[in-house]
Amino acid sequence: NEVPVPAPPPAPPPPPAAKQAAKGVSPRGNPGSWATTEDYPSRALREEKQGTTGFRLEVGADGRVTSCTVTQSSGSPELDDATCKLVSRRARFSPAEDDQGNKIPSTYANRIQWRIPQ
């Protein structure tokens, strides 16, 4: 005497996909100019700190940076803090666009290599 087992309910439909950018965000100008040797934090220079800081920027639909997150520490809080301060102030972007050409918020990731000037 087998007892019938009800079939599992059908899987729910997948959630609607987040809006994908048809055109990604792109920096205006040279990202290499966002932080230069003149910007080297004096304390990090005195302590001979060097390293690479990875960062992710939230970029608004107007192409301006709305937030900065350090994604990879250089090992120096001064260098990491300087990275976000400088790129938040200096970076400008051509905003991302959806498939209808509407400007949309997006993200941009990069790194800054901090090397003591010789």
C-alpha atoms as a PDB file:
ATOM      1  CA  ASN A   1       0.000   0.000   0.000  1.00  0.00           C
ATOM      2  CA  GLU A   2       1.914   3.010  -1.247  1.00  0.00           C
ATOM      3  CA  VAL A   3       0.750   6.359  -0.043  1.00  0.00           C
ATOM      4  CA  PRO A   4       0.832   8.934  -2.845  1.00  0.00           C
ATOM      5  CA  VAL A   5       3.262  11.750  -2.144  1.00  0.00           C
ATOM      6  CA  PRO A   6       2.173  15.154  -3.399  1.00  0.00           C
ATOM      7  CA  ALA A   7       4.420  16.679  -6.023  1.00  0.00           C
ATOM      8  CA  PRO A   8       6.538  19.574  -4.763  1.00  0.00           C
ATOM      9  CA  PRO A   9       5.164  22.992  -5.620  1.00  0.00           C
ATOM     10  CA  PRO A  10       6.656  24.586  -8.733  1.00  0.00           C
ATOM     11  CA  ALA A  11       9.694  26.775  -8.144  1.00  0.00           C
ATOM     12  CA  PRO A  12       8.873  30.472  -7.835  1.00  0.00           C
ATOM     13  CA  PRO A  13       9.803  32.567 -10.851  1.00  0.00           C
ATOM     14  CA  PRO A  14      13.242  34.178 -10.623  1.00  0.00           C
ATOM     15  CA  PRO A  15      13.258  37.749  -9.297  1.00  0.00           C
ATOM     16  CA  PRO A  16      13.445  40.438 -11.956  1.00  0.00           C
ATOM     17  CA  ALA A  17      17.034  41.136 -12.892  1.00  0.00           C
ATOM     18  CA  ALA A  18      18.592  44.332 -11.654  1.00  0.00           C
ATOM     19  CA  LYS A  19      18.893  46.914 -14.396  1.00  0.00           C
ATOM     20  CA  GLN A  20      21.987  46.093 -16.349  1.00  0.00           C
ATOM     21  CA  ALA A  21      23.953  48.964 -17.758  1.00  0.00           C
ATOM     22  CA  ALA A  22      23.873  48.935 -21.536  1.00  0.00           C
ATOM     23  CA  LYS A  23      26.795  51.353 -21.362  1.00  0.00           C
ATOM     24  CA  GLY A  24      29.133  51.153 -18.378  1.00  0.00           C
ATOM     25  CA  VAL A  25      30.458  54.040 -16.354  1.00  0.00           C
ATOM     26  CA  SER A  26      33.705  55.472 -17.737  1.00  0.00           C
ATOM     27  CA  PRO A  27      36.180  57.899 -16.171  1.00  0.00           C
ATOM     28  CA  ARG A  28      36.489  61.367 -17.655  1.00  0.00           C
ATOM     29  CA  GLY A  29      40.149  62.211 -17.971  1.00  0.00           C
ATOM     30  CA  ASN A  30      43.044  60.159 -16.655  1.00  0.00           C
ATOM     31  CA  PRO A  31      42.484  58.139 -13.447  1.00  0.00           C
ATOM     32  CA  GLY A  32      46.266  58.348 -12.928  1.00  0.00           C
ATOM     33  CA  SER A  33      45.845  62.043 -12.111  1.00  0.00           C
ATOM     34  CA  TRP A  34      43.453  61.412  -9.198  1.00  0.00           C
ATOM     35  CA  ALA A  35      46.380  60.835  -6.810  1.00  0.00           C
ATOM     36  CA  THR A  36      49.932  61.999  -7.522  1.00  0.00           C
ATOM     37  CA  THR A  37      53.237  61.966  -5.647  1.00  0.00           C
ATOM     38  CA  GLU A  38      52.407  65.499  -4.400  1.00  0.00           C
ATOM     39  CA  ASP A  39      49.429  63.939  -2.600  1.00  0.00           C
ATOM     40  CA  TYR A  40      51.542  61.472  -0.591  1.00  0.00           C
ATOM     41  CA  PRO A  41      50.365  61.710   3.042  1.00  0.00           C
ATOM     42  CA  SER A  42      53.196  63.245   5.102  1.00  0.00           C
ATOM     43  CA  ARG A  43      52.904  60.725   7.944  1.00  0.00           C
ATOM     44  CA  ALA A  44      53.050  57.780   5.523  1.00  0.00           C
ATOM     45  CA  LEU A  45      56.078  59.410   3.886  1.00  0.00           C
ATOM     46  CA  ARG A  46      57.832  59.865   7.255  1.00  0.00           C
ATOM     47  CA  GLU A  47      57.074  56.245   8.176  1.00  0.00           C
ATOM     48  CA  GLU A  48      58.138  55.106   4.672  1.00  0.00           C
ATOM     49  CA  LYS A  49      54.792  53.384   4.077  1.00  0.00           C
ATOM     50  CA  GLN A  50      54.056  52.104   0.584  1.00  0.00           C
ATOM     51  CA  GLY A  51      51.403  49.852  -0.853  1.00  0.00           C
ATOM     52  CA  THR A  52      48.460  49.438  -3.169  1.00  0.00           C
ATOM     53  CA  THR A  53      44.969  50.501  -2.138  1.00  0.00           C
ATOM     54  CA  GLY A  54      42.047  48.943  -3.997  1.00  0.00           C
ATOM     55  CA  PHE A  55      38.808  50.933  -3.992  1.00  0.00           C
ATOM     56  CA  ARG A  56      35.236  50.798  -5.256  1.00  0.00           C
ATOM     57  CA  LEU A  57      33.280  53.941  -6.028  1.00  0.00           C
ATOM     58  CA  GLU A  58      29.532  54.325  -6.149  1.00  0.00           C
ATOM     59  CA  VAL A  59      28.863  56.709  -9.031  1.00  0.00           C
ATOM     60  CA  GLY A  60      25.579  58.600  -9.273  1.00  0.00           C
ATOM     61  CA  ALA A  61      23.555  59.111 -12.439  1.00  0.00           C
ATOM     62  CA  ASP A  62      25.184  62.574 -12.644  1.00  0.00           C
ATOM     63  CA  GLY A  63      28.680  61.039 -12.918  1.00  0.00           C
ATOM     64  CA  ARG A  64      29.775  62.171  -9.453  1.00  0.00           C
ATOM     65  CA  VAL A  65      31.188  59.894  -6.781  1.00  0.00           C
ATOM     66  CA  THR A  66      28.650  59.262  -4.007  1.00  0.00           C
ATOM     67  CA  SER A  67      30.782  56.920  -1.869  1.00  0.00           C
ATOM     68  CA  CYS A  68      34.150  55.196  -1.729  1.00  0.00           C
ATOM     69  CA  THR A  69      35.006  51.861  -0.122  1.00  0.00           C
ATOM     70  CA  VAL A  70      38.511  50.462   0.337  1.00  0.00           C
ATOM     71  CA  THR A  71      38.412  46.915  -1.077  1.00  0.00           C
ATOM     72  CA  GLN A  72      42.101  46.115  -0.527  1.00  0.00           C
ATOM     73  CA  SER A  73      44.167  47.818   2.155  1.00  0.00           C
ATOM     74  CA  SER A  74      47.680  49.022   1.438  1.00  0.00           C
ATOM     75  CA  GLY A  75      48.517  48.196   5.054  1.00  0.00           C
ATOM     76  CA  SER A  76      48.587  51.905   5.904  1.00  0.00           C
ATOM     77  CA  PRO A  77      45.433  53.645   7.164  1.00  0.00           C
ATOM     78  CA  GLU A  78      46.880  56.989   5.983  1.00  0.00           C
ATOM     79  CA  LEU A  79      47.284  55.750   2.399  1.00  0.00           C
ATOM     80  CA  ASP A  80      43.850  54.091   2.393  1.00  0.00           C
ATOM     81  CA  ASP A  81      42.142  57.227   3.778  1.00  0.00           C
ATOM     82  CA  ALA A  82      43.985  59.470   1.310  1.00  0.00           C
ATOM     83  CA  THR A  83      42.890  57.236  -1.573  1.00  0.00           C
ATOM     84  CA  CYS A  84      39.179  57.638  -0.839  1.00  0.00           C
ATOM     85  CA  LYS A  85      39.477  61.362  -0.050  1.00  0.00           C
ATOM     86  CA  LEU A  86      41.347  62.104  -3.273  1.00  0.00           C
ATOM     87  CA  VAL A  87      39.322  59.983  -5.685  1.00  0.00           C
ATOM     88  CA  SER A  88      36.023  61.115  -4.153  1.00  0.00           C
ATOM     89  CA  ARG A  89      37.040  64.741  -4.728  1.00  0.00           C
ATOM     90  CA  ARG A  90      38.726  64.421  -8.130  1.00  0.00           C
ATOM     91  CA  ALA A  91      37.122  61.556 -10.040  1.00  0.00           C
ATOM     92  CA  ARG A  92      34.408  62.421 -12.557  1.00  0.00           C
ATOM     93  CA  PHE A  93      32.635  59.993 -14.831  1.00  0.00           C
ATOM     94  CA  SER A  94      30.463  59.698 -17.866  1.00  0.00           C
ATOM     95  CA  PRO A  95      27.565  57.897 -16.172  1.00  0.00           C
ATOM     96  CA  ALA A  96      26.361  54.426 -17.040  1.00  0.00           C
ATOM     97  CA  GLU A  97      23.220  54.169 -19.185  1.00  0.00           C
ATOM     98  CA  ASP A  98      20.475  51.587 -19.351  1.00  0.00           C
ATOM     99  CA  ASP A  99      19.240  50.141 -22.651  1.00  0.00           C
ATOM    100  CA  GLN A 100      16.896  53.131 -23.075  1.00  0.00           C
ATOM    101  CA  GLY A 101      19.747  55.630 -22.736  1.00  0.00           C
ATOM    102  CA  ASN A 102      18.722  56.751 -19.236  1.00  0.00           C
ATOM    103  CA  LYS A 103      21.627  57.651 -16.980  1.00  0.00           C
ATOM    104  CA  ILE A 104      21.811  55.245 -14.031  1.00  0.00           C
ATOM    105  CA  PRO A 105      23.956  54.864 -10.892  1.00  0.00           C
ATOM    106  CA  SER A 106      26.818  52.403 -11.169  1.00  0.00           C
ATOM    107  CA  THR A 107      30.105  51.341  -9.599  1.00  0.00           C
ATOM    108  CA  TYR A 108      33.742  51.690 -10.621  1.00  0.00           C
ATOM    109  CA  ALA A 109      36.704  49.827  -9.135  1.00  0.00           C
ATOM    110  CA  ASN A 110      40.427  50.465  -9.449  1.00  0.00           C
ATOM    111  CA  ARG A 111      43.648  50.622  -7.407  1.00  0.00           C
ATOM    112  CA  ILE A 112      46.207  53.250  -6.523  1.00  0.00           C
ATOM    113  CA  GLN A 113      49.836  52.257  -6.083  1.00  0.00           C
ATOM    114  CA  TRP A 114      51.522  54.357  -3.440  1.00  0.00           C
ATOM    115  CA  ARG A 115      55.293  54.436  -4.010  1.00  0.00           C
ATOM    116  CA  ILE A 116      57.622  56.800  -2.193  1.00  0.00           C
ATOM    117  CA  PRO A 117      59.037  59.244  -4.753  1.00  0.00           C
ATOM    118  CA  GLN A 118      62.763  58.764  -5.307  1.00  0.00           C
END
